[in-house]
């Protein structure tokens, strides 16, 4: 990675570099002059510099030469440095509050790591008395295969609640994360501090469903669509996309194409990759392939929404044929396309 150009840094970034260079004690004296909002902004900037190269250090020291400095060839910064500096300047309680808005603390990372290292049945015993939101939150941090093992241990009703909550988690507010970590921390003998991380969402649900029993995954996804059609559709798209047609056997692809309207196929292929286009052309007769090429060329510009709708119709055909046992997905394909 190229070193940052000092001349292009903002004033705040330059000050952050300087604060890293002078050490936590001296930086704390400087931070005492700022309010919490300004301090938080500076901590964000310090967190963005895990290592300050010598040229950057030298330029910062020259610019801020009026302040006593400490020297090192390459100076460590990052989130831990920001935490130490804040504790000196603001006290541990206020430092924790501010740093919780900047990034995850070591304590939170330790809690997640401890849970991740447990066996599936141990994680289940830890989470079984927790609220669905807490269960969904922790599953979003686990390896999908292990998350699926734990998830399968819960009751059917709880699974439906958890899977829907997991699907809508894109980010978790620091205060809620703090409560969750405190609850789990009591069982793990870990100190609790608020933290923040983007987690969950459609990708997390898709990853979990891929590792569940096929029939269970199909049932859950169907029930989820009944409660939240938008979320269910988004998850289905993650589980099997139009581009995944490229992974099917020639025979299965031909079987699917026989079910598809040629006009709809032409629209769907407007955004298809070249490898997928060639696979589809090769699955058709020479005359049909030439006709499809001409139809695509005559379409002109097509709105993305129309393309996605056309692709969805084809994916629905794939799901129906797969359910009927007329086509099968390859070994790497998602197991819960329903």
C-alpha atoms as a PDB file:
ATOM      1  CA  UNK A   1       0.000   0.000   0.000  1.00  0.00           C
ATOM      2  CA  UNK A   2       1.371   3.457  -0.933  1.00  0.00           C
ATOM      3  CA  UNK A   3       2.204   5.817   1.909  1.00  0.00           C
ATOM      4  CA  UNK A   4      -0.242   8.726   2.303  1.00  0.00           C
ATOM      5  CA  UNK A   5       0.840  12.107   0.932  1.00  0.00           C
ATOM      6  CA  UNK A   6       1.121  14.506   3.884  1.00  0.00           C
ATOM      7  CA  UNK A   7       0.223  17.506   1.731  1.00  0.00           C
ATOM      8  CA  UNK A   8      -3.120  15.901   0.899  1.00  0.00           C
ATOM      9  CA  UNK A   9      -4.092  15.260   4.525  1.00  0.00           C
ATOM     10  CA  UNK A  10      -6.758  17.407   6.160  1.00  0.00           C
ATOM     11  CA  UNK A  11      -5.847  19.571   9.139  1.00  0.00           C
ATOM     12  CA  UNK A  12      -7.492  17.060  11.457  1.00  0.00           C
ATOM     13  CA  UNK A  13      -5.576  14.180   9.906  1.00  0.00           C
ATOM     14  CA  UNK A  14      -2.299  16.054  10.304  1.00  0.00           C
ATOM     15  CA  UNK A  15      -3.091  16.763  13.946  1.00  0.00           C
ATOM     16  CA  UNK A  16      -3.974  13.095  14.464  1.00  0.00           C
ATOM     17  CA  UNK A  17      -0.597  12.058  13.026  1.00  0.00           C
ATOM     18  CA  UNK A  18       1.139  14.544  15.311  1.00  0.00           C
ATOM     19  CA  UNK A  19      -0.731  13.272  18.381  1.00  0.00           C
ATOM     20  CA  UNK A  20       0.390   9.735  17.586  1.00  0.00           C
ATOM     21  CA  UNK A  21       3.986  10.892  17.261  1.00  0.00           C
ATOM     22  CA  UNK A  22       4.187  12.671  20.617  1.00  0.00           C
ATOM     23  CA  UNK A  23       2.957   9.719  22.669  1.00  0.00           C
ATOM     24  CA  UNK A  24      -0.203   9.131  24.766  1.00  0.00           C
ATOM     25  CA  UNK A  25       0.742  11.322  27.752  1.00  0.00           C
ATOM     26  CA  UNK A  26       1.557  14.432  25.720  1.00  0.00           C
ATOM     27  CA  UNK A  27      -1.354  13.790  23.348  1.00  0.00           C
ATOM     28  CA  UNK A  28      -3.689  13.578  26.342  1.00  0.00           C
ATOM     29  CA  UNK A  29      -2.725  17.105  27.388  1.00  0.00           C
ATOM     30  CA  UNK A  30      -3.648  18.330  23.913  1.00  0.00           C
ATOM     31  CA  UNK A  31      -6.956  16.437  23.869  1.00  0.00           C
ATOM     32  CA  UNK A  32      -8.000  18.019  27.157  1.00  0.00           C
ATOM     33  CA  UNK A  33      -8.445  21.251  25.229  1.00  0.00           C
ATOM     34  CA  UNK A  34     -11.146  19.738  22.982  1.00  0.00           C
ATOM     35  CA  UNK A  35     -14.757  18.832  23.712  1.00  0.00           C
ATOM     36  CA  UNK A  36     -15.979  15.237  23.351  1.00  0.00           C
ATOM     37  CA  UNK A  37     -17.216  15.702  19.770  1.00  0.00           C
ATOM     38  CA  UNK A  38     -13.876  17.113  18.609  1.00  0.00           C
ATOM     39  CA  UNK A  39     -12.035  14.439  20.570  1.00  0.00           C
ATOM     40  CA  UNK A  40     -14.110  11.735  18.908  1.00  0.00           C
ATOM     41  CA  UNK A  41     -13.275  13.085  15.449  1.00  0.00           C
ATOM     42  CA  UNK A  42      -9.573  13.128  16.271  1.00  0.00           C
ATOM     43  CA  UNK A  43      -9.752   9.581  17.630  1.00  0.00           C
ATOM     44  CA  UNK A  44     -11.342   8.422  14.394  1.00  0.00           C
ATOM     45  CA  UNK A  45      -8.450   9.936  12.496  1.00  0.00           C
ATOM     46  CA  UNK A  46      -5.874   8.384  14.850  1.00  0.00           C
ATOM     47  CA  UNK A  47      -7.543   4.999  14.421  1.00  0.00           C
ATOM     48  CA  UNK A  48      -7.014   5.281  10.665  1.00  0.00           C
ATOM     49  CA  UNK A  49      -3.213   5.345  11.102  1.00  0.00           C
ATOM     50  CA  UNK A  50      -2.105   1.980  12.583  1.00  0.00           C
ATOM     51  CA  UNK A  51       1.448   2.875  11.556  1.00  0.00           C
ATOM     52  CA  UNK A  52       2.920   6.325  10.882  1.00  0.00           C
ATOM     53  CA  UNK A  53       5.827   6.099   8.408  1.00  0.00           C
ATOM     54  CA  UNK A  54       8.971   8.128   9.068  1.00  0.00           C
ATOM     55  CA  UNK A  55       8.384  10.704   6.254  1.00  0.00           C
ATOM     56  CA  UNK A  56       4.906  11.430   7.571  1.00  0.00           C
ATOM     57  CA  UNK A  57       6.182  11.644  11.153  1.00  0.00           C
ATOM     58  CA  UNK A  58       8.932  14.061  10.145  1.00  0.00           C
ATOM     59  CA  UNK A  59       6.577  16.390   8.255  1.00  0.00           C
ATOM     60  CA  UNK A  60       4.053  16.414  11.099  1.00  0.00           C
ATOM     61  CA  UNK A  61       6.755  17.203  13.636  1.00  0.00           C
ATOM     62  CA  UNK A  62       8.045  20.045  11.460  1.00  0.00           C
ATOM     63  CA  UNK A  63       4.589  21.557  11.071  1.00  0.00           C
ATOM     64  CA  UNK A  64       3.756  21.277  14.773  1.00  0.00           C
ATOM     65  CA  UNK A  65       7.299  22.050  15.938  1.00  0.00           C
ATOM     66  CA  UNK A  66       6.057  24.397  18.663  1.00  0.00           C
ATOM     67  CA  UNK A  67       4.866  21.412  20.707  1.00  0.00           C
ATOM     68  CA  UNK A  68       7.297  19.096  22.513  1.00  0.00           C
ATOM     69  CA  UNK A  69       7.576  15.838  20.625  1.00  0.00           C
ATOM     70  CA  UNK A  70       8.785  12.295  21.008  1.00  0.00           C
ATOM     71  CA  UNK A  71      10.627  10.686  18.136  1.00  0.00           C
ATOM     72  CA  UNK A  72      10.469   7.233  16.558  1.00  0.00           C
ATOM     73  CA  UNK A  73      11.247   5.939  13.078  1.00  0.00           C
ATOM     74  CA  UNK A  74       7.798   4.394  12.699  1.00  0.00           C
ATOM     75  CA  UNK A  75       5.151   5.215  15.277  1.00  0.00           C
ATOM     76  CA  UNK A  76       2.209   2.963  16.158  1.00  0.00           C
ATOM     77  CA  UNK A  77      -1.276   4.454  16.263  1.00  0.00           C
ATOM     78  CA  UNK A  78      -4.608   2.769  15.715  1.00  0.00           C
ATOM     79  CA  UNK A  79      -7.608   2.195  17.957  1.00  0.00           C
ATOM     80  CA  UNK A  80      -5.664   0.960  20.987  1.00  0.00           C
ATOM     81  CA  UNK A  81      -3.517   4.090  20.912  1.00  0.00           C
ATOM     82  CA  UNK A  82      -6.628   6.268  20.749  1.00  0.00           C
ATOM     83  CA  UNK A  83      -8.087   4.360  23.732  1.00  0.00           C
ATOM     84  CA  UNK A  84      -4.942   4.861  25.859  1.00  0.00           C
ATOM     85  CA  UNK A  85      -4.723   8.540  24.978  1.00  0.00           C
ATOM     86  CA  UNK A  86      -8.375   9.137  25.803  1.00  0.00           C
ATOM     87  CA  UNK A  87      -8.122   7.375  29.163  1.00  0.00           C
ATOM     88  CA  UNK A  88      -5.316   9.727  30.146  1.00  0.00           C
ATOM     89  CA  UNK A  89      -7.112  12.820  28.863  1.00  0.00           C
ATOM     90  CA  UNK A  90     -10.740  12.087  29.754  1.00  0.00           C
ATOM     91  CA  UNK A  91     -10.758   9.271  32.297  1.00  0.00           C
ATOM     92  CA  UNK A  92     -11.677   5.641  31.667  1.00  0.00           C
ATOM     93  CA  UNK A  93     -15.478   6.063  31.714  1.00  0.00           C
ATOM     94  CA  UNK A  94     -15.629   8.935  29.202  1.00  0.00           C
ATOM     95  CA  UNK A  95     -12.907   7.311  27.111  1.00  0.00           C
ATOM     96  CA  UNK A  96     -14.966   4.123  26.852  1.00  0.00           C
ATOM     97  CA  UNK A  97     -18.064   6.089  25.848  1.00  0.00           C
ATOM     98  CA  UNK A  98     -16.210   7.951  23.101  1.00  0.00           C
ATOM     99  CA  UNK A  99     -14.194   5.015  21.798  1.00  0.00           C
ATOM    100  CA  UNK A 100     -17.345   2.895  21.671  1.00  0.00           C
ATOM    101  CA  UNK A 101     -18.591   5.239  18.958  1.00  0.00           C
ATOM    102  CA  UNK A 102     -15.318   4.995  17.061  1.00  0.00           C
ATOM    103  CA  UNK A 103     -14.845   1.224  16.809  1.00  0.00           C
ATOM    104  CA  UNK A 104     -14.965  -2.109  18.638  1.00  0.00           C
ATOM    105  CA  UNK A 105     -13.004  -2.440  21.876  1.00  0.00           C
ATOM    106  CA  UNK A 106     -10.647  -5.280  22.692  1.00  0.00           C
ATOM    107  CA  UNK A 107     -13.146  -6.563  25.259  1.00  0.00           C
ATOM    108  CA  UNK A 108     -15.924  -6.924  22.714  1.00  0.00           C
ATOM    109  CA  UNK A 109     -13.586  -8.663  20.283  1.00  0.00           C
ATOM    110  CA  UNK A 110     -12.602 -11.063  23.069  1.00  0.00           C
ATOM    111  CA  UNK A 111     -16.240 -11.908  23.825  1.00  0.00           C
ATOM    112  CA  UNK A 112     -16.944 -12.658  20.164  1.00  0.00           C
ATOM    113  CA  UNK A 113     -13.743 -14.683  19.888  1.00  0.00           C
ATOM    114  CA  UNK A 114     -14.560 -16.699  23.015  1.00  0.00           C
ATOM    115  CA  UNK A 115     -18.023 -17.538  21.707  1.00  0.00           C
ATOM    116  CA  UNK A 116     -16.674 -18.396  18.246  1.00  0.00           C
ATOM    117  CA  UNK A 117     -14.219 -20.887  19.733  1.00  0.00           C
ATOM    118  CA  UNK A 118     -16.954 -22.824  21.567  1.00  0.00           C
ATOM    119  CA  UNK A 119     -18.565 -26.001  20.271  1.00  0.00           C
ATOM    120  CA  UNK A 120     -22.010 -25.564  18.707  1.00  0.00           C
ATOM    121  CA  UNK A 121     -23.823 -27.156  21.664  1.00  0.00           C
ATOM    122  CA  UNK A 122     -21.960 -24.873  24.086  1.00  0.00           C
ATOM    123  CA  UNK A 123     -22.992 -21.806  22.101  1.00  0.00           C
ATOM    124  CA  UNK A 124     -26.577 -23.051  22.099  1.00  0.00           C
ATOM    125  CA  UNK A 125     -26.520 -23.434  25.893  1.00  0.00           C
ATOM    126  CA  UNK A 126     -25.116 -19.921  26.190  1.00  0.00           C
ATOM    127  CA  UNK A 127     -27.763 -18.378  23.937  1.00  0.00           C
ATOM    128  CA  UNK A 128     -30.874 -20.474  24.572  1.00  0.00           C
ATOM    129  CA  UNK A 129     -32.174 -18.190  27.349  1.00  0.00           C
ATOM    130  CA  UNK A 130     -31.371 -14.979  25.450  1.00  0.00           C
ATOM    131  CA  UNK A 131     -33.753 -12.784  23.471  1.00  0.00           C
ATOM    132  CA  UNK A 132     -34.109 -13.460  19.704  1.00  0.00           C
ATOM    133  CA  UNK A 133     -32.305 -10.185  18.928  1.00  0.00           C
ATOM    134  CA  UNK A 134     -29.299 -11.309  20.974  1.00  0.00           C
ATOM    135  CA  UNK A 135     -29.261 -14.729  19.325  1.00  0.00           C
ATOM    136  CA  UNK A 136     -29.455 -13.174  15.851  1.00  0.00           C
ATOM    137  CA  UNK A 137     -26.699 -10.714  16.706  1.00  0.00           C
ATOM    138  CA  UNK A 138     -24.271 -13.410  17.882  1.00  0.00           C
ATOM    139  CA  UNK A 139     -25.044 -15.748  14.984  1.00  0.00           C
ATOM    140  CA  UNK A 140     -24.100 -12.935  12.601  1.00  0.00           C
ATOM    141  CA  UNK A 141     -20.535 -13.078  13.947  1.00  0.00           C
ATOM    142  CA  UNK A 142     -20.116 -16.849  13.688  1.00  0.00           C
ATOM    143  CA  UNK A 143     -18.802 -18.862  10.784  1.00  0.00           C
ATOM    144  CA  UNK A 144     -21.904 -19.692   8.671  1.00  0.00           C
ATOM    145  CA  UNK A 145     -21.441 -23.455   9.082  1.00  0.00           C
ATOM    146  CA  UNK A 146     -21.253 -23.210  12.871  1.00  0.00           C
ATOM    147  CA  UNK A 147     -24.071 -20.655  12.962  1.00  0.00           C
ATOM    148  CA  UNK A 148     -26.246 -23.144  11.064  1.00  0.00           C
ATOM    149  CA  UNK A 149     -25.451 -25.885  13.592  1.00  0.00           C
ATOM    150  CA  UNK A 150     -26.441 -23.662  16.500  1.00  0.00           C
ATOM    151  CA  UNK A 151     -29.488 -22.298  14.719  1.00  0.00           C
ATOM    152  CA  UNK A 152     -30.862 -25.787  14.028  1.00  0.00           C
ATOM    153  CA  UNK A 153     -30.947 -26.518  17.785  1.00  0.00           C
ATOM    154  CA  UNK A 154     -33.568 -23.862  18.534  1.00  0.00           C
ATOM    155  CA  UNK A 155     -37.317 -24.497  18.417  1.00  0.00           C
ATOM    156  CA  UNK A 156     -39.121 -23.926  15.079  1.00  0.00           C
ATOM    157  CA  UNK A 157     -40.952 -20.830  16.352  1.00  0.00           C
ATOM    158  CA  UNK A 158     -37.760 -19.274  17.688  1.00  0.00           C
ATOM    159  CA  UNK A 159     -35.913 -20.062  14.461  1.00  0.00           C
ATOM    160  CA  UNK A 160     -38.456 -18.083  12.442  1.00  0.00           C
ATOM    161  CA  UNK A 161     -38.112 -15.092  14.767  1.00  0.00           C
ATOM    162  CA  UNK A 162     -34.315 -15.237  14.761  1.00  0.00           C
ATOM    163  CA  UNK A 163     -33.953 -15.638  10.984  1.00  0.00           C
ATOM    164  CA  UNK A 164     -36.105 -12.570  10.326  1.00  0.00           C
ATOM    165  CA  UNK A 165     -34.193 -10.467  12.864  1.00  0.00           C
ATOM    166  CA  UNK A 166     -30.903 -11.655  11.408  1.00  0.00           C
ATOM    167  CA  UNK A 167     -32.062 -10.609   7.962  1.00  0.00           C
ATOM    168  CA  UNK A 168     -32.721  -7.010   8.959  1.00  0.00           C
ATOM    169  CA  UNK A 169     -29.566  -6.471  11.028  1.00  0.00           C
ATOM    170  CA  UNK A 170     -27.300  -4.217   8.965  1.00  0.00           C
ATOM    171  CA  UNK A 171     -25.795  -2.387  11.916  1.00  0.00           C
ATOM    172  CA  UNK A 172     -26.417  -2.579  15.634  1.00  0.00           C
ATOM    173  CA  UNK A 173     -26.577   0.576  17.804  1.00  0.00           C
ATOM    174  CA  UNK A 174     -23.774   0.832  20.388  1.00  0.00           C
ATOM    175  CA  UNK A 175     -26.186   0.915  23.344  1.00  0.00           C
ATOM    176  CA  UNK A 176     -27.853  -2.326  22.229  1.00  0.00           C
ATOM    177  CA  UNK A 177     -24.489  -3.963  21.601  1.00  0.00           C
ATOM    178  CA  UNK A 178     -23.446  -2.949  25.098  1.00  0.00           C
ATOM    179  CA  UNK A 179     -26.470  -4.696  26.616  1.00  0.00           C
ATOM    180  CA  UNK A 180     -25.849  -7.832  24.567  1.00  0.00           C
ATOM    181  CA  UNK A 181     -22.179  -8.022  25.472  1.00  0.00           C
ATOM    182  CA  UNK A 182     -22.950  -7.391  29.142  1.00  0.00           C
ATOM    183  CA  UNK A 183     -25.446 -10.239  29.128  1.00  0.00           C
ATOM    184  CA  UNK A 184     -23.067 -12.687  27.483  1.00  0.00           C
ATOM    185  CA  UNK A 185     -20.090 -11.335  29.379  1.00  0.00           C
ATOM    186  CA  UNK A 186     -21.568 -12.499  32.669  1.00  0.00           C
ATOM    187  CA  UNK A 187     -21.281 -16.070  31.430  1.00  0.00           C
ATOM    188  CA  UNK A 188     -17.852 -15.577  29.895  1.00  0.00           C
ATOM    189  CA  UNK A 189     -16.297 -13.648  32.792  1.00  0.00           C
ATOM    190  CA  UNK A 190     -15.546 -10.803  30.388  1.00  0.00           C
ATOM    191  CA  UNK A 191     -15.727  -7.092  31.140  1.00  0.00           C
ATOM    192  CA  UNK A 192     -18.315  -5.335  29.035  1.00  0.00           C
ATOM    193  CA  UNK A 193     -17.917  -2.240  26.961  1.00  0.00           C
ATOM    194  CA  UNK A 194     -20.144  -0.852  24.211  1.00  0.00           C
ATOM    195  CA  UNK A 195     -19.062  -1.610  20.675  1.00  0.00           C
ATOM    196  CA  UNK A 196     -20.307  -1.276  17.132  1.00  0.00           C
ATOM    197  CA  UNK A 197     -20.026  -3.311  13.988  1.00  0.00           C
ATOM    198  CA  UNK A 198     -21.968  -3.795  10.802  1.00  0.00           C
ATOM    199  CA  UNK A 199     -23.339  -7.313  10.991  1.00  0.00           C
ATOM    200  CA  UNK A 200     -26.165  -9.524   9.866  1.00  0.00           C
ATOM    201  CA  UNK A 201     -28.377  -8.670   6.941  1.00  0.00           C
ATOM    202  CA  UNK A 202     -29.219 -10.594   3.801  1.00  0.00           C
ATOM    203  CA  UNK A 203     -25.704 -11.997   3.367  1.00  0.00           C
ATOM    204  CA  UNK A 204     -25.682 -13.455   6.886  1.00  0.00           C
ATOM    205  CA  UNK A 205     -29.040 -15.181   6.397  1.00  0.00           C
ATOM    206  CA  UNK A 206     -28.021 -16.546   2.996  1.00  0.00           C
ATOM    207  CA  UNK A 207     -24.775 -17.877   4.450  1.00  0.00           C
ATOM    208  CA  UNK A 208     -26.617 -19.584   7.289  1.00  0.00           C
ATOM    209  CA  UNK A 209     -29.299 -21.113   5.050  1.00  0.00           C
ATOM    210  CA  UNK A 210     -26.666 -22.591   2.763  1.00  0.00           C
ATOM    211  CA  UNK A 211     -25.480 -24.790   5.627  1.00  0.00           C
ATOM    212  CA  UNK A 212     -28.884 -25.943   6.874  1.00  0.00           C
ATOM    213  CA  UNK A 213     -30.752 -29.095   5.929  1.00  0.00           C
ATOM    214  CA  UNK A 214     -32.310 -28.454   2.515  1.00  0.00           C
ATOM    215  CA  UNK A 215     -35.913 -29.020   3.609  1.00  0.00           C
ATOM    216  CA  UNK A 216     -35.506 -26.900   6.754  1.00  0.00           C
ATOM    217  CA  UNK A 217     -33.967 -24.090   4.718  1.00  0.00           C
ATOM    218  CA  UNK A 218     -36.807 -24.192   2.194  1.00  0.00           C
ATOM    219  CA  UNK A 219     -39.442 -24.108   4.951  1.00  0.00           C
ATOM    220  CA  UNK A 220     -37.785 -21.207   6.758  1.00  0.00           C
ATOM    221  CA  UNK A 221     -37.417 -19.166   3.601  1.00  0.00           C
ATOM    222  CA  UNK A 222     -41.044 -19.739   2.624  1.00  0.00           C
ATOM    223  CA  UNK A 223     -42.274 -18.721   6.087  1.00  0.00           C
ATOM    224  CA  UNK A 224     -40.002 -15.694   6.060  1.00  0.00           C
ATOM    225  CA  UNK A 225     -41.470 -14.553   2.739  1.00  0.00           C
ATOM    226  CA  UNK A 226     -44.946 -14.767   4.266  1.00  0.00           C
ATOM    227  CA  UNK A 227     -43.893 -12.285   6.969  1.00  0.00           C
ATOM    228  CA  UNK A 228     -41.524 -10.137   4.936  1.00  0.00           C
ATOM    229  CA  UNK A 229     -41.760 -10.578   1.173  1.00  0.00           C
ATOM    230  CA  UNK A 230     -39.101  -7.961   0.403  1.00  0.00           C
ATOM    231  CA  UNK A 231     -36.539  -9.585   2.689  1.00  0.00           C
ATOM    232  CA  UNK A 232     -37.380 -13.055   1.401  1.00  0.00           C
ATOM    233  CA  UNK A 233     -36.879 -11.994  -2.212  1.00  0.00           C
ATOM    234  CA  UNK A 234     -33.546 -10.360  -1.390  1.00  0.00           C
ATOM    235  CA  UNK A 235     -32.348 -13.552   0.307  1.00  0.00           C
ATOM    236  CA  UNK A 236     -33.447 -15.722  -2.613  1.00  0.00           C
ATOM    237  CA  UNK A 237     -31.429 -13.514  -4.954  1.00  0.00           C
ATOM    238  CA  UNK A 238     -28.357 -14.093  -2.808  1.00  0.00           C
ATOM    239  CA  UNK A 239     -28.937 -17.841  -2.731  1.00  0.00           C
ATOM    240  CA  UNK A 240     -29.252 -18.171  -6.501  1.00  0.00           C
ATOM    241  CA  UNK A 241     -28.608 -15.343  -8.935  1.00  0.00           C
ATOM    242  CA  UNK A 242     -29.093 -15.200 -12.675  1.00  0.00           C
ATOM    243  CA  UNK A 243     -25.321 -15.542 -13.145  1.00  0.00           C
ATOM    244  CA  UNK A 244     -25.480 -18.879 -11.302  1.00  0.00           C
ATOM    245  CA  UNK A 245     -27.049 -20.371 -14.431  1.00  0.00           C
ATOM    246  CA  UNK A 246     -23.445 -20.590 -15.581  1.00  0.00           C
ATOM    247  CA  UNK A 247     -22.857 -23.354 -13.019  1.00  0.00           C
ATOM    248  CA  UNK A 248     -25.601 -25.687 -14.247  1.00  0.00           C
ATOM    249  CA  UNK A 249     -24.954 -28.660 -16.481  1.00  0.00           C
ATOM    250  CA  UNK A 250     -25.702 -28.196 -20.199  1.00  0.00           C
ATOM    251  CA  UNK A 251     -28.650 -30.599 -19.925  1.00  0.00           C
ATOM    252  CA  UNK A 252     -30.179 -28.732 -16.983  1.00  0.00           C
ATOM    253  CA  UNK A 253     -29.619 -25.385 -18.668  1.00  0.00           C
ATOM    254  CA  UNK A 254     -31.373 -26.636 -21.807  1.00  0.00           C
ATOM    255  CA  UNK A 255     -34.279 -27.912 -19.695  1.00  0.00           C
ATOM    256  CA  UNK A 256     -34.658 -24.476 -18.083  1.00  0.00           C
ATOM    257  CA  UNK A 257     -34.429 -22.591 -21.378  1.00  0.00           C
ATOM    258  CA  UNK A 258     -37.327 -24.646 -22.738  1.00  0.00           C
ATOM    259  CA  UNK A 259     -39.475 -23.140 -19.964  1.00  0.00           C
ATOM    260  CA  UNK A 260     -38.440 -19.543 -20.636  1.00  0.00           C
ATOM    261  CA  UNK A 261     -40.055 -17.049 -22.989  1.00  0.00           C
ATOM    262  CA  UNK A 262     -37.460 -15.881 -25.533  1.00  0.00           C
ATOM    263  CA  UNK A 263     -38.440 -12.205 -25.206  1.00  0.00           C
ATOM    264  CA  UNK A 264     -38.035 -12.382 -21.433  1.00  0.00           C
ATOM    265  CA  UNK A 265     -34.709 -14.202 -21.834  1.00  0.00           C
ATOM    266  CA  UNK A 266     -33.408 -11.456 -24.132  1.00  0.00           C
ATOM    267  CA  UNK A 267     -34.192  -8.790 -21.528  1.00  0.00           C
ATOM    268  CA  UNK A 268     -32.634 -10.868 -18.737  1.00  0.00           C
ATOM    269  CA  UNK A 269     -29.422 -11.282 -20.736  1.00  0.00           C
ATOM    270  CA  UNK A 270     -28.869  -7.542 -21.237  1.00  0.00           C
ATOM    271  CA  UNK A 271     -26.692  -7.418 -18.108  1.00  0.00           C
ATOM    272  CA  UNK A 272     -25.354 -10.990 -18.293  1.00  0.00           C
ATOM    273  CA  UNK A 273     -21.625 -11.630 -18.338  1.00  0.00           C
ATOM    274  CA  UNK A 274     -20.049 -12.765 -21.584  1.00  0.00           C
ATOM    275  CA  UNK A 275     -19.308 -16.295 -20.245  1.00  0.00           C
ATOM    276  CA  UNK A 276     -22.979 -16.760 -19.300  1.00  0.00           C
ATOM    277  CA  UNK A 277     -24.148 -15.456 -22.676  1.00  0.00           C
ATOM    278  CA  UNK A 278     -21.934 -17.963 -24.459  1.00  0.00           C
ATOM    279  CA  UNK A 279     -23.185 -20.804 -22.224  1.00  0.00           C
ATOM    280  CA  UNK A 280     -26.788 -19.930 -23.060  1.00  0.00           C
ATOM    281  CA  UNK A 281     -26.094 -19.585 -26.780  1.00  0.00           C
ATOM    282  CA  UNK A 282     -24.345 -22.969 -26.787  1.00  0.00           C
ATOM    283  CA  UNK A 283     -27.365 -24.563 -25.066  1.00  0.00           C
ATOM    284  CA  UNK A 284     -29.625 -23.424 -27.923  1.00  0.00           C
ATOM    285  CA  UNK A 285     -29.824 -24.509 -31.530  1.00  0.00           C
ATOM    286  CA  UNK A 286     -27.797 -22.417 -33.964  1.00  0.00           C
ATOM    287  CA  UNK A 287     -30.941 -20.805 -35.331  1.00  0.00           C
ATOM    288  CA  UNK A 288     -32.364 -20.061 -31.862  1.00  0.00           C
ATOM    289  CA  UNK A 289     -29.046 -18.603 -30.693  1.00  0.00           C
ATOM    290  CA  UNK A 290     -28.856 -16.279 -33.710  1.00  0.00           C
ATOM    291  CA  UNK A 291     -32.426 -15.173 -33.130  1.00  0.00           C
ATOM    292  CA  UNK A 292     -31.695 -14.445 -29.469  1.00  0.00           C
ATOM    293  CA  UNK A 293     -28.628 -12.376 -30.380  1.00  0.00           C
ATOM    294  CA  UNK A 294     -30.682 -10.307 -32.802  1.00  0.00           C
ATOM    295  CA  UNK A 295     -33.444  -9.825 -30.243  1.00  0.00           C
ATOM    296  CA  UNK A 296     -30.943  -8.551 -27.656  1.00  0.00           C
ATOM    297  CA  UNK A 297     -29.424  -6.111 -30.157  1.00  0.00           C
ATOM    298  CA  UNK A 298     -32.846  -4.745 -31.088  1.00  0.00           C
ATOM    299  CA  UNK A 299     -33.792  -4.071 -27.469  1.00  0.00           C
ATOM    300  CA  UNK A 300     -31.651  -0.975 -27.057  1.00  0.00           C
ATOM    301  CA  UNK A 301     -31.465   0.504 -23.560  1.00  0.00           C
ATOM    302  CA  UNK A 302     -33.428  -1.369 -20.878  1.00  0.00           C
ATOM    303  CA  UNK A 303     -34.074  -0.192 -17.330  1.00  0.00           C
ATOM    304  CA  UNK A 304     -32.278  -2.195 -14.659  1.00  0.00           C
ATOM    305  CA  UNK A 305     -35.582  -2.865 -12.892  1.00  0.00           C
ATOM    306  CA  UNK A 306     -36.942  -4.547 -16.035  1.00  0.00           C
ATOM    307  CA  UNK A 307     -33.791  -6.651 -16.352  1.00  0.00           C
ATOM    308  CA  UNK A 308     -34.017  -7.774 -12.721  1.00  0.00           C
ATOM    309  CA  UNK A 309     -37.715  -8.640 -13.123  1.00  0.00           C
ATOM    310  CA  UNK A 310     -36.937 -10.740 -16.196  1.00  0.00           C
ATOM    311  CA  UNK A 311     -34.116 -12.504 -14.363  1.00  0.00           C
ATOM    312  CA  UNK A 312     -36.398 -13.177 -11.385  1.00  0.00           C
ATOM    313  CA  UNK A 313     -38.881 -14.964 -13.654  1.00  0.00           C
ATOM    314  CA  UNK A 314     -36.117 -17.258 -14.879  1.00  0.00           C
ATOM    315  CA  UNK A 315     -34.900 -17.910 -11.328  1.00  0.00           C
ATOM    316  CA  UNK A 316     -38.476 -18.838 -10.390  1.00  0.00           C
ATOM    317  CA  UNK A 317     -38.443 -21.390 -13.203  1.00  0.00           C
ATOM    318  CA  UNK A 318     -35.178 -22.803 -11.853  1.00  0.00           C
ATOM    319  CA  UNK A 319     -36.670 -23.138  -8.364  1.00  0.00           C
ATOM    320  CA  UNK A 320     -39.827 -24.812  -9.675  1.00  0.00           C
ATOM    321  CA  UNK A 321     -37.913 -27.316 -11.797  1.00  0.00           C
ATOM    322  CA  UNK A 322     -35.530 -28.039  -8.942  1.00  0.00           C
ATOM    323  CA  UNK A 323     -38.456 -28.720  -6.600  1.00  0.00           C
ATOM    324  CA  UNK A 324     -39.969 -31.063  -9.181  1.00  0.00           C
ATOM    325  CA  UNK A 325     -36.654 -32.891  -9.470  1.00  0.00           C
ATOM    326  CA  UNK A 326     -36.275 -32.042 -13.153  1.00  0.00           C
ATOM    327  CA  UNK A 327     -33.002 -30.159 -12.671  1.00  0.00           C
ATOM    328  CA  UNK A 328     -30.374 -30.237  -9.960  1.00  0.00           C
ATOM    329  CA  UNK A 329     -27.857 -27.706  -8.769  1.00  0.00           C
ATOM    330  CA  UNK A 330     -24.198 -28.638  -8.837  1.00  0.00           C
ATOM    331  CA  UNK A 331     -22.292 -29.503  -5.651  1.00  0.00           C
ATOM    332  CA  UNK A 332     -21.270 -25.903  -5.059  1.00  0.00           C
ATOM    333  CA  UNK A 333     -24.729 -24.452  -5.568  1.00  0.00           C
ATOM    334  CA  UNK A 334     -26.796 -23.120  -2.732  1.00  0.00           C
ATOM    335  CA  UNK A 335     -28.763 -25.891  -1.067  1.00  0.00           C
ATOM    336  CA  UNK A 336     -31.960 -24.077  -0.209  1.00  0.00           C
ATOM    337  CA  UNK A 337     -33.132 -22.649  -3.518  1.00  0.00           C
ATOM    338  CA  UNK A 338     -36.825 -23.358  -3.282  1.00  0.00           C
END
